[in-house]
Amino acid sequence: MLTLADVVEGVSGQRIEALARRPVKNVVIDSRQALRDDLFVALPGERVDGHDYVGHAFGRGALAAIVHHDRVPNLEGLEVGRFDVRRAPADQPADLALPLLVRVDDTLSALQRLSAFWRARFNLRVIGITGSVGKTTTKELVAQVLSMRYRVLKTEGNYNNEIGIPLTLLKLRPEHECAVIEMGMYGLGEIAAYCRWARPQVGVVTIVAPVHLSRLGTIENIVKAKSELPAALPSEEEGGVAILNDDDERVRGMAAVTKARVINYGLTPRADVWADNIESFGLDGIAFTLHYGRGSWLAKLPLIGRHSVQTALRAAAVGLVEGMDLGDVIEGLRTPPAQLRLVVAKGPFNSLVLDDTYNASAESTIAALNLLAEIEGEGPRIAVLGDMLELGDAEKQAHDEVGCRAALVARYVIGVGERSKWTCRAAIECGAPPERVFHVMTNGEALEVLNDIVRERCVILVKGSRGMKMEEIVAGLGGLANED
């Protein structure tokens, strides 16, 4: 178990053996989550400063706090120890009282150094996952497949950034045999840093799409950023494996930047792990033939939508390269975790609400619209589509593509937000009757439209970028259902 001696050594390089007797149960950045014997890391934020909550964390039983300035309020009457990493060992107090303030130059950098230090203690397989679309669903399914044979640590929720990845790594314990780490990014160099901390031996890349163009500027920069994962992998001789999407030319080209063994997955025989004979049964799942080496196996899985075949192939490829037999791989695919994003909720008139509100890009939204088209026998289709954010110069084209696809799939199209005017305009240009296309600015207005047009059982897709908070629409539809 992580100890207070490990914490001090990880952030300063100085080991104080007397602190090795004090185990640290968990590392938190929210004082409300602090419990007895936890470590609290005081991170400064845009609206609040974690240093203001050190006293609260100590009051809840935290053993220590990492801080980067001495202006820590609310410690009156509390005797605390102080360790300053800027001082030489001889200048540190001889007796370190608890709870302990560990003073560093930068708390975020200290958290990251500590996570890298702790990760290096473990001899286990780490699987890194990145891509513009499908990271979280892939992470969940990869972890599920691996759990059929191994004890797995995985990224929880969307903890896929410079804070979340260190917090995940600090949960490593001796019982873990592999870790599945999701890696998001907003800029160049970030994934390379994540790889220095996590030291993945396996890297999975999903798709490269024009997401975060507003930050990275060009699709070439997105390719470069995502390439940092396969580029960081160890060589094939050292056990490195890059699992790349053969159907995406940009991802397939990443084979040139890695020393690792390359395993391609896709929907053609050119790939190492591939699928054909794909059938979608709407909400009842998908079926396809999985090919690997000289073998072929029929897989019928409770995953929703044809696009889920790619997710299944990624998870299967990881399981196979990690030494699992195909029977265990298929069994893992057959029992996908409940955390997969798209869920089905109840709406008015016993309608089906496809809740895909976690995030949105053109690719993921079109995949969701394709699923809407695949569901049979459930009444009219309604697409409620919010703005897709952070697409830079590609945002109009992306909304146009989504609007045109929505016109072909849905009886009604509701666009929510400023950018969704392009979605609605493209839907009309692609044949949707204007009286069935609605552009609104708020989720509340979208619910008013839905209340007017839903008069029978139907299927309602709700999807938009995270910043649009379209889960409010799903919750509102649930309220309308309760009024029926």
Protein backbone atom coordinates (compact mmCIF):
# COMPACT_ATOMS: atom_id res chain seq x y z
CA MET A 1 0.00 0.00 0.00
CA LEU A 2 1.05 3.58 -0.65
CA THR A 3 2.58 5.09 2.48
CA LEU A 4 3.34 8.61 3.59
CA ALA A 5 7.04 7.80 3.10
CA ASP A 6 6.24 6.98 -0.54
CA VAL A 7 4.41 10.28 -0.92
CA VAL A 8 7.34 12.29 0.38
CA GLU A 9 9.83 10.29 -1.68
CA GLY A 10 7.70 10.52 -4.81
CA VAL A 11 7.48 14.31 -4.72
CA SER A 12 10.90 15.13 -3.28
CA GLY A 13 13.28 12.19 -3.73
CA GLN A 14 13.83 12.17 0.06
CA ARG A 15 12.70 9.09 1.96
CA ILE A 16 11.77 9.35 5.62
CA GLU A 17 11.53 5.79 6.82
CA ALA A 18 9.58 6.69 9.95
CA LEU A 19 6.65 7.66 7.71
CA ALA A 20 6.58 4.19 6.12
CA ARG A 21 4.40 3.04 9.01
CA ARG A 22 1.60 5.39 7.91
CA PRO A 23 -0.38 3.91 4.98
CA VAL A 24 -2.29 6.23 2.67
CA LYS A 25 -5.64 4.74 1.75
CA ASN A 26 -6.59 7.04 -1.10
CA VAL A 27 -5.55 10.22 -2.91
CA VAL A 28 -8.24 12.87 -3.41
CA ILE A 29 -8.50 16.39 -4.82
CA ASP A 30 -11.96 17.14 -3.37
CA SER A 31 -11.98 17.65 0.40
CA ARG A 32 -15.55 16.34 0.52
CA GLN A 33 -14.24 12.94 -0.56
CA ALA A 34 -11.48 12.88 2.04
CA LEU A 35 -11.66 10.13 4.65
CA ARG A 36 -9.44 8.87 7.42
CA ASP A 37 -5.81 8.32 6.33
CA ASP A 38 -6.30 9.85 2.86
CA LEU A 39 -3.93 12.25 1.07
CA PHE A 40 -5.46 15.53 -0.09
CA VAL A 41 -3.83 17.36 -3.02
CA ALA A 42 -4.64 21.08 -3.00
CA LEU A 43 -5.04 22.03 -6.66
CA PRO A 44 -5.76 25.63 -7.66
CA GLY A 45 -8.78 25.99 -9.97
CA GLU A 46 -10.43 28.70 -12.00
CA ARG A 47 -13.07 29.36 -9.36
CA VAL A 48 -11.77 27.76 -6.18
CA ASP A 49 -8.37 27.01 -4.65
CA GLY A 50 -7.89 23.63 -3.02
CA HIS A 51 -5.70 25.29 -0.39
CA ASP A 52 -8.87 26.80 1.09
CA TYR A 53 -10.12 23.29 1.87
CA VAL A 54 -7.07 21.72 3.49
CA GLY A 55 -8.54 22.29 6.93
CA HIS A 56 -11.78 20.63 5.83
CA ALA A 57 -9.86 17.60 4.53
CA PHE A 58 -7.93 17.35 7.82
CA GLY A 59 -11.18 17.62 9.72
CA ARG A 60 -12.48 14.60 7.81
CA GLY A 61 -9.41 12.58 8.78
CA ALA A 62 -6.91 13.18 5.95
CA LEU A 63 -3.41 12.16 6.95
CA ALA A 64 -1.56 14.73 4.83
CA ALA A 65 -1.97 17.42 2.21
CA ILE A 66 0.23 18.48 -0.67
CA VAL A 67 0.31 22.28 -0.95
CA HIS A 68 2.36 24.80 -2.91
CA HIS A 69 2.02 27.88 -0.74
CA ASP A 70 1.85 28.59 2.97
CA ARG A 71 -1.40 30.56 2.88
CA VAL A 72 -3.52 27.70 4.16
CA PRO A 73 -6.55 29.00 6.10
CA ASN A 74 -8.72 27.27 8.69
CA LEU A 75 -5.89 25.51 10.52
CA GLU A 76 -6.30 27.49 13.73
CA GLY A 77 -5.89 25.30 16.78
CA LEU A 78 -4.66 22.35 14.74
CA GLU A 79 -1.10 21.17 15.25
CA VAL A 80 0.31 20.16 11.86
CA GLY A 81 3.67 18.91 10.67
CA ARG A 82 5.46 20.60 7.78
CA PHE A 83 7.80 19.13 5.19
CA ASP A 84 9.23 21.45 2.53
CA VAL A 85 10.69 19.74 -0.53
CA ARG A 86 12.80 22.84 -1.25
CA ARG A 87 14.89 22.21 1.85
CA ALA A 88 17.74 19.76 2.32
CA PRO A 89 17.10 16.73 4.55
CA ALA A 90 19.20 18.24 7.33
CA ASP A 91 16.94 21.30 7.37
CA GLN A 92 13.71 19.35 7.79
CA PRO A 93 12.06 19.09 11.23
CA ALA A 94 13.30 16.09 13.20
CA ASP A 95 9.78 15.15 14.27
CA LEU A 96 7.07 15.42 11.62
CA ALA A 97 3.69 15.77 13.31
CA LEU A 98 0.50 14.56 11.68
CA PRO A 99 -1.47 15.67 9.80
CA LEU A 100 1.38 16.69 7.54
CA LEU A 101 1.63 19.57 5.08
CA VAL A 102 3.97 18.65 2.24
CA ARG A 103 5.12 21.88 0.58
CA VAL A 104 6.03 21.63 -3.13
CA ASP A 105 6.60 24.12 -5.92
CA ASP A 106 3.53 23.02 -7.90
CA THR A 107 0.85 20.66 -6.61
CA LEU A 108 -0.25 19.37 -10.02
CA SER A 109 3.32 18.55 -11.04
CA ALA A 110 3.84 16.87 -7.67
CA LEU A 111 0.73 14.73 -8.17
CA GLN A 112 2.04 13.69 -11.57
CA ARG A 113 5.54 12.90 -10.25
CA LEU A 114 4.04 10.87 -7.45
CA SER A 115 1.90 8.85 -9.86
CA ALA A 116 4.91 8.06 -12.07
CA PHE A 117 6.93 7.08 -9.00
CA TRP A 118 4.15 4.78 -7.79
CA ARG A 119 3.50 3.25 -11.24
CA ALA A 120 7.19 2.29 -11.47
CA ARG A 121 6.77 0.08 -8.40
CA PHE A 122 4.53 -2.36 -10.29
CA ASN A 123 5.30 -5.02 -12.86
CA LEU A 124 2.04 -5.16 -14.78
CA ARG A 125 0.65 -4.63 -18.25
CA VAL A 126 -0.75 -1.19 -19.00
CA ILE A 127 -3.08 -0.63 -21.95
CA GLY A 128 -3.38 2.98 -23.13
CA ILE A 129 -6.38 4.01 -25.23
CA THR A 130 -6.76 7.20 -27.25
CA GLY A 131 -8.60 8.51 -30.31
CA SER A 132 -11.05 11.24 -31.26
CA VAL A 133 -14.13 9.06 -30.83
CA GLY A 134 -14.91 5.94 -28.83
CA LYS A 135 -12.23 6.08 -26.11
CA THR A 136 -14.51 5.52 -23.14
CA THR A 137 -16.61 2.74 -24.66
CA THR A 138 -13.42 1.03 -25.80
CA LYS A 139 -11.88 1.38 -22.34
CA GLU A 140 -14.94 -0.13 -20.70
CA LEU A 141 -15.12 -3.08 -23.08
CA VAL A 142 -11.37 -3.75 -22.99
CA ALA A 143 -11.49 -3.81 -19.20
CA GLN A 144 -14.49 -6.14 -19.28
CA VAL A 145 -12.76 -8.58 -21.64
CA LEU A 146 -9.51 -8.57 -19.67
CA SER A 147 -11.40 -9.11 -16.41
CA MET A 148 -12.41 -12.56 -17.64
CA ARG A 149 -8.84 -13.62 -16.85
CA TYR A 150 -7.00 -10.81 -15.07
CA ARG A 151 -7.51 -8.43 -12.14
CA VAL A 152 -7.94 -5.06 -13.82
CA LEU A 153 -7.66 -1.41 -12.80
CA LYS A 154 -9.35 1.00 -15.21
CA THR A 155 -9.89 4.70 -15.62
CA GLU A 156 -13.12 5.63 -13.87
CA GLY A 157 -15.58 7.95 -15.59
CA ASN A 158 -13.83 10.56 -17.72
CA TYR A 159 -10.65 10.75 -15.61
CA ASN A 160 -8.56 10.79 -18.78
CA ASN A 161 -6.52 13.98 -18.37
CA GLU A 162 -3.51 15.42 -16.56
CA ILE A 163 -5.30 15.08 -13.22
CA GLY A 164 -7.40 11.96 -13.71
CA ILE A 165 -4.64 9.74 -15.05
CA PRO A 166 -2.34 10.32 -12.04
CA LEU A 167 -5.25 9.69 -9.66
CA THR A 168 -5.97 6.41 -11.46
CA LEU A 169 -2.34 5.29 -11.33
CA LEU A 170 -2.24 5.99 -7.59
CA LYS A 171 -4.97 3.36 -7.14
CA LEU A 172 -2.60 0.62 -8.30
CA ARG A 173 -2.23 -2.19 -5.79
CA PRO A 174 -0.24 -5.46 -5.83
CA GLU A 175 -3.32 -7.47 -6.80
CA HIS A 176 -3.69 -5.68 -10.13
CA GLU A 177 -2.37 -7.58 -13.14
CA CYS A 178 -3.16 -4.97 -15.77
CA ALA A 179 -4.46 -1.42 -16.03
CA VAL A 180 -6.59 0.13 -18.78
CA ILE A 181 -5.89 3.87 -19.03
CA GLU A 182 -7.96 6.21 -21.20
CA MET A 183 -5.97 9.13 -22.61
CA GLY A 184 -7.74 12.27 -23.79
CA MET A 185 -5.92 15.35 -24.98
CA TYR A 186 -6.32 19.03 -25.80
CA GLY A 187 -2.83 19.79 -27.07
CA LEU A 188 0.42 18.41 -28.42
CA GLY A 189 2.69 16.70 -25.93
CA GLU A 190 -0.03 15.74 -23.46
CA ILE A 191 -0.35 12.07 -24.42
CA ALA A 192 3.45 11.77 -24.46
CA ALA A 193 3.44 12.99 -20.84
CA TYR A 194 0.70 10.54 -19.89
CA CYS A 195 2.82 7.75 -21.36
CA ARG A 196 5.83 8.80 -19.28
CA TRP A 197 3.72 8.40 -16.15
CA ALA A 198 1.72 5.29 -17.11
CA ARG A 199 4.40 3.47 -19.19
CA PRO A 200 1.91 1.53 -21.38
CA GLN A 201 3.07 -1.57 -23.22
CA VAL A 202 -0.10 -1.71 -25.37
CA GLY A 203 -1.61 1.25 -27.17
CA VAL A 204 -5.03 1.33 -28.86
CA VAL A 205 -5.97 4.13 -31.27
CA THR A 206 -9.63 4.37 -32.30
CA ILE A 207 -10.32 7.09 -34.89
CA VAL A 208 -8.82 10.43 -35.85
CA ALA A 209 -11.53 13.04 -36.41
CA PRO A 210 -11.69 16.86 -36.41
CA VAL A 211 -12.40 17.10 -32.68
CA HIS A 212 -10.60 19.87 -30.70
CA LEU A 213 -9.66 21.63 -33.93
CA SER A 214 -10.26 24.90 -32.12
CA ARG A 215 -7.25 24.05 -29.95
CA LEU A 216 -5.00 22.14 -32.34
CA GLY A 217 -5.72 24.02 -35.56
CA THR A 218 -5.34 21.24 -38.13
CA ILE A 219 -6.20 17.58 -38.56
CA GLU A 220 -2.47 16.96 -39.04
CA ASN A 221 -1.84 18.20 -35.51
CA ILE A 222 -4.54 15.88 -34.19
CA VAL A 223 -2.82 12.96 -35.94
CA LYS A 224 0.49 14.06 -34.44
CA ALA A 225 -1.02 14.28 -30.95
CA LYS A 226 -2.70 10.87 -31.12
CA SER A 227 0.48 9.36 -32.58
CA GLU A 228 2.25 10.09 -29.31
CA LEU A 229 0.76 6.90 -27.84
CA PRO A 230 2.12 4.39 -30.39
CA ALA A 231 5.38 6.36 -30.56
CA ALA A 232 5.87 5.94 -26.79
CA LEU A 233 5.37 2.16 -26.73
CA PRO A 234 8.31 -0.17 -26.10
CA SER A 235 9.70 -2.21 -28.96
CA GLU A 236 8.20 -5.49 -30.10
CA GLU A 237 11.09 -7.31 -28.41
CA GLU A 238 10.17 -5.58 -25.14
CA GLY A 239 6.50 -6.53 -25.43
CA GLY A 240 5.11 -3.40 -27.06
CA VAL A 241 1.93 -3.74 -29.15
CA ALA A 242 0.19 -0.99 -31.14
CA ILE A 243 -3.45 -1.81 -31.99
CA LEU A 244 -4.46 0.43 -34.88
CA ASN A 245 -7.65 1.03 -36.86
CA ASP A 246 -7.01 -0.29 -40.35
CA ASP A 247 -10.14 1.40 -41.68
CA ASP A 248 -8.85 4.87 -40.78
CA GLU A 249 -5.98 5.84 -43.07
CA ARG A 250 -4.59 8.32 -40.57
CA VAL A 251 -4.53 5.76 -37.76
CA ARG A 252 -3.17 3.03 -40.02
CA GLY A 253 -0.28 5.35 -40.89
CA MET A 254 0.79 5.48 -37.23
CA ALA A 255 2.54 2.15 -37.79
CA ALA A 256 5.41 4.25 -39.13
CA VAL A 257 6.04 5.97 -35.77
CA THR A 258 6.13 2.95 -33.46
CA LYS A 259 8.75 0.35 -32.61
CA ALA A 260 6.04 -1.92 -31.23
CA ARG A 261 4.42 -4.88 -32.93
CA VAL A 262 1.44 -3.62 -34.97
CA ILE A 263 -1.96 -5.35 -34.87
CA ASN A 264 -4.57 -3.86 -37.18
CA TYR A 265 -8.31 -4.25 -36.72
CA GLY A 266 -11.06 -3.40 -39.18
CA LEU A 267 -13.82 -4.53 -41.51
CA THR A 268 -11.73 -5.98 -44.34
CA PRO A 269 -9.51 -9.08 -44.60
CA ARG A 270 -6.48 -6.79 -44.78
CA ALA A 271 -6.68 -6.36 -40.99
CA ASP A 272 -5.28 -8.86 -38.49
CA VAL A 273 -8.50 -8.87 -36.44
CA TRP A 274 -11.53 -8.22 -38.64
CA ALA A 275 -15.27 -8.68 -38.96
CA ASP A 276 -17.82 -9.31 -41.67
CA ASN A 277 -21.40 -10.59 -41.98
CA ILE A 278 -22.50 -7.77 -39.67
CA GLU A 279 -26.14 -7.66 -38.63
CA SER A 280 -27.79 -5.15 -36.34
CA PHE A 281 -30.88 -6.06 -34.33
CA GLY A 282 -31.43 -2.55 -32.98
CA LEU A 283 -31.78 -2.60 -29.22
CA ASP A 284 -31.32 -6.38 -29.23
CA GLY A 285 -27.66 -6.10 -30.19
CA ILE A 286 -25.41 -7.00 -33.09
CA ALA A 287 -23.96 -10.13 -34.67
CA PHE A 288 -20.88 -10.57 -36.83
CA THR A 289 -18.20 -13.04 -37.80
CA LEU A 290 -14.89 -12.38 -36.04
CA HIS A 291 -11.73 -13.41 -37.91
CA TYR A 292 -8.26 -13.81 -36.41
CA GLY A 293 -5.47 -15.82 -37.94
CA ARG A 294 -7.00 -18.88 -39.59
CA GLY A 295 -10.01 -18.97 -37.30
CA SER A 296 -13.52 -17.52 -37.64
CA TRP A 297 -16.14 -17.28 -34.89
CA LEU A 298 -19.73 -16.05 -34.80
CA ALA A 299 -20.24 -13.38 -32.15
CA LYS A 300 -23.70 -12.19 -31.09
CA LEU A 301 -23.36 -9.36 -28.61
CA PRO A 302 -25.71 -7.04 -26.68
CA LEU A 303 -23.94 -3.93 -28.03
CA ILE A 304 -26.07 -1.29 -29.73
CA GLY A 305 -25.43 -0.19 -33.32
CA ARG A 306 -23.17 -1.30 -36.16
CA HIS A 307 -20.47 1.11 -35.04
CA SER A 308 -20.08 -1.07 -31.93
CA VAL A 309 -18.41 -3.73 -34.09
CA GLN A 310 -15.27 -1.57 -34.17
CA THR A 311 -15.35 -1.26 -30.38
CA ALA A 312 -15.68 -5.04 -30.07
CA LEU A 313 -12.74 -5.58 -32.43
CA ARG A 314 -10.50 -3.31 -30.35
CA ALA A 315 -11.38 -5.16 -27.17
CA ALA A 316 -10.94 -8.53 -28.85
CA ALA A 317 -7.53 -7.51 -30.20
CA VAL A 318 -6.35 -6.48 -26.74
CA GLY A 319 -7.55 -9.72 -25.20
CA LEU A 320 -5.89 -11.82 -27.87
CA VAL A 321 -2.51 -10.08 -27.68
CA GLU A 322 -2.66 -10.40 -23.89
CA GLY A 323 -2.78 -14.17 -24.19
CA MET A 324 -6.48 -14.83 -23.71
CA ASP A 325 -8.22 -17.60 -25.62
CA LEU A 326 -11.00 -16.58 -27.92
CA GLY A 327 -13.68 -18.24 -25.83
CA ASP A 328 -12.93 -15.94 -22.90
CA VAL A 329 -12.71 -12.95 -25.25
CA ILE A 330 -16.16 -13.67 -26.74
CA GLU A 331 -17.60 -14.23 -23.26
CA GLY A 332 -16.27 -10.84 -22.18
CA LEU A 333 -17.82 -9.19 -25.22
CA ARG A 334 -21.15 -10.82 -24.46
CA THR A 335 -21.33 -9.18 -21.05
CA PRO A 336 -20.54 -5.52 -21.71
CA PRO A 337 -20.41 -3.24 -18.67
CA ALA A 338 -23.35 -1.06 -17.76
CA GLN A 339 -21.12 2.03 -18.01
CA LEU A 340 -21.19 2.07 -21.82
CA ARG A 341 -22.46 5.52 -22.65
CA LEU A 342 -25.58 5.15 -24.78
CA VAL A 343 -28.42 4.05 -22.55
CA VAL A 344 -32.14 3.62 -23.18
CA ALA A 345 -34.56 5.54 -20.99
CA LYS A 346 -38.34 5.83 -20.92
CA GLY A 347 -40.13 8.76 -22.48
CA PRO A 348 -43.75 9.92 -22.85
CA PHE A 349 -46.24 7.47 -24.37
CA ASN A 350 -43.82 4.66 -23.48
CA SER A 351 -41.33 6.02 -26.00
CA LEU A 352 -37.69 4.94 -26.13
CA VAL A 353 -35.17 7.67 -25.36
CA LEU A 354 -31.65 6.98 -26.62
CA ASP A 355 -29.50 8.91 -24.15
CA ASP A 356 -26.16 9.60 -25.86
CA THR A 357 -25.54 12.92 -24.17
CA TYR A 358 -21.97 12.40 -22.98
CA ASN A 359 -20.36 14.15 -25.95
CA ALA A 360 -20.64 14.59 -29.70
CA SER A 361 -18.63 14.81 -32.89
CA ALA A 362 -19.83 14.42 -36.47
CA GLU A 363 -18.66 10.81 -36.53
CA SER A 364 -20.27 9.76 -33.26
CA THR A 365 -23.49 11.63 -34.02
CA ILE A 366 -23.86 10.02 -37.43
CA ALA A 367 -23.23 6.63 -35.80
CA ALA A 368 -26.00 7.41 -33.31
CA LEU A 369 -28.31 8.45 -36.16
CA ASN A 370 -27.51 5.20 -37.92
CA LEU A 371 -28.57 3.35 -34.77
CA LEU A 372 -31.79 5.37 -34.75
CA ALA A 373 -32.44 4.09 -38.27
CA GLU A 374 -31.67 0.48 -37.33
CA ILE A 375 -34.29 0.22 -34.58
CA GLU A 376 -37.40 -1.38 -36.04
CA GLY A 377 -41.05 -1.29 -35.11
CA GLU A 378 -40.96 1.39 -32.40
CA GLY A 379 -42.77 4.28 -34.13
CA PRO A 380 -41.54 7.59 -35.53
CA ARG A 381 -37.95 8.75 -35.05
CA ILE A 382 -37.04 12.10 -33.49
CA ALA A 383 -33.48 13.44 -33.48
CA VAL A 384 -32.69 16.05 -30.81
CA LEU A 385 -29.21 17.29 -31.70
CA GLY A 386 -27.23 19.86 -29.77
CA ASP A 387 -24.23 21.91 -30.80
CA MET A 388 -20.98 20.05 -31.40
CA LEU A 389 -18.26 22.13 -29.75
CA GLU A 390 -14.51 22.59 -30.25
CA LEU A 391 -14.53 21.71 -33.95
CA GLY A 392 -12.76 24.88 -35.11
CA ASP A 393 -12.99 25.65 -38.82
CA ALA A 394 -14.68 22.29 -39.46
CA GLU A 395 -17.74 23.05 -37.34
CA LYS A 396 -20.08 24.18 -40.13
CA GLN A 397 -19.24 21.19 -42.34
CA ALA A 398 -19.73 18.84 -39.39
CA HIS A 399 -23.16 20.26 -38.54
CA ASP A 400 -24.13 20.17 -42.23
CA GLU A 401 -23.22 16.47 -42.46
CA VAL A 402 -25.18 15.64 -39.33
CA GLY A 403 -28.22 17.60 -40.48
CA CYS A 404 -28.30 15.87 -43.84
CA ARG A 405 -28.08 12.43 -42.23
CA ALA A 406 -30.79 13.37 -39.73
CA ALA A 407 -33.11 14.36 -42.58
CA LEU A 408 -32.85 10.84 -44.00
CA VAL A 409 -33.37 9.09 -40.65
CA ALA A 410 -35.77 11.11 -38.51
CA ARG A 411 -39.37 12.31 -38.93
CA TYR A 412 -38.58 15.31 -36.72
CA VAL A 413 -35.26 17.13 -36.25
CA ILE A 414 -34.71 19.47 -33.31
CA GLY A 415 -31.48 21.46 -33.24
CA VAL A 416 -30.41 22.97 -29.92
CA GLY A 417 -27.91 25.84 -29.72
CA GLU A 418 -26.38 28.50 -31.93
CA ARG A 419 -24.39 26.15 -34.16
CA SER A 420 -27.32 23.81 -34.65
CA LYS A 421 -28.89 26.34 -37.02
CA TRP A 422 -26.55 24.74 -39.58
CA THR A 423 -27.88 21.29 -38.65
CA CYS A 424 -31.46 22.41 -39.20
CA ARG A 425 -30.73 24.27 -42.44
CA ALA A 426 -28.89 21.23 -43.87
CA ALA A 427 -31.74 18.92 -42.83
CA ILE A 428 -34.22 21.02 -44.83
CA GLU A 429 -31.85 21.23 -47.81
CA CYS A 430 -31.56 17.42 -47.73
CA GLY A 431 -35.32 16.91 -47.90
CA ALA A 432 -36.75 17.24 -44.41
CA PRO A 433 -40.10 19.08 -44.45
CA PRO A 434 -39.52 22.53 -42.92
CA GLU A 435 -42.52 22.15 -40.62
CA ARG A 436 -40.80 19.15 -39.02
CA VAL A 437 -37.48 20.90 -38.35
CA PHE A 438 -37.17 23.04 -35.22
CA HIS A 439 -34.25 25.23 -34.18
CA VAL A 440 -34.21 26.30 -30.51
CA MET A 441 -31.60 27.83 -28.25
CA THR A 442 -32.20 26.07 -24.94
CA ASN A 443 -32.94 22.62 -23.57
CA GLY A 444 -36.15 23.95 -22.06
CA GLU A 445 -37.37 25.08 -25.48
CA ALA A 446 -36.49 21.66 -26.90
CA LEU A 447 -38.64 20.02 -24.23
CA GLU A 448 -41.53 22.33 -25.15
CA VAL A 449 -41.27 21.22 -28.79
CA LEU A 450 -41.11 17.57 -27.76
CA ASN A 451 -44.17 18.01 -25.55
CA ASP A 452 -46.06 19.33 -28.59
CA ILE A 453 -45.01 16.72 -31.17
CA VAL A 454 -44.80 13.48 -29.16
CA ARG A 455 -48.31 12.05 -29.27
CA GLU A 456 -47.51 8.35 -29.70
CA ARG A 457 -44.82 5.82 -28.92
CA CYS A 458 -41.63 6.83 -30.74
CA VAL A 459 -37.83 6.69 -30.55
CA ILE A 460 -36.05 9.87 -29.47
CA LEU A 461 -32.29 10.30 -29.87
CA VAL A 462 -30.74 12.99 -27.65
CA LYS A 463 -27.14 13.86 -28.42
CA GLY A 464 -24.85 16.87 -28.14
CA SER A 465 -21.53 18.05 -26.79
CA ARG A 466 -20.93 17.85 -23.06
CA GLY A 467 -21.16 21.60 -22.67
CA MET A 468 -24.76 21.58 -23.95
CA LYS A 469 -25.94 19.64 -20.84
CA MET A 470 -28.49 17.72 -22.86
CA GLU A 471 -29.00 15.25 -20.05
CA GLU A 472 -31.49 17.91 -18.93
CA ILE A 473 -33.64 16.95 -21.92
CA VAL A 474 -33.46 13.26 -21.03
CA ALA A 475 -34.48 14.07 -17.46
CA GLY A 476 -37.31 16.25 -18.73
CA LEU A 477 -38.58 13.48 -20.99
CA GLY A 478 -38.57 11.18 -17.98
CA GLY A 479 -40.74 13.71 -16.18
CA LEU A 480 -43.16 13.84 -19.12
CA ALA A 481 -43.29 10.03 -19.06
CA ASN A 482 -44.26 10.09 -15.40
CA GLU A 483 -47.15 12.41 -16.22
CA ASP A 484 -48.67 9.93 -18.70
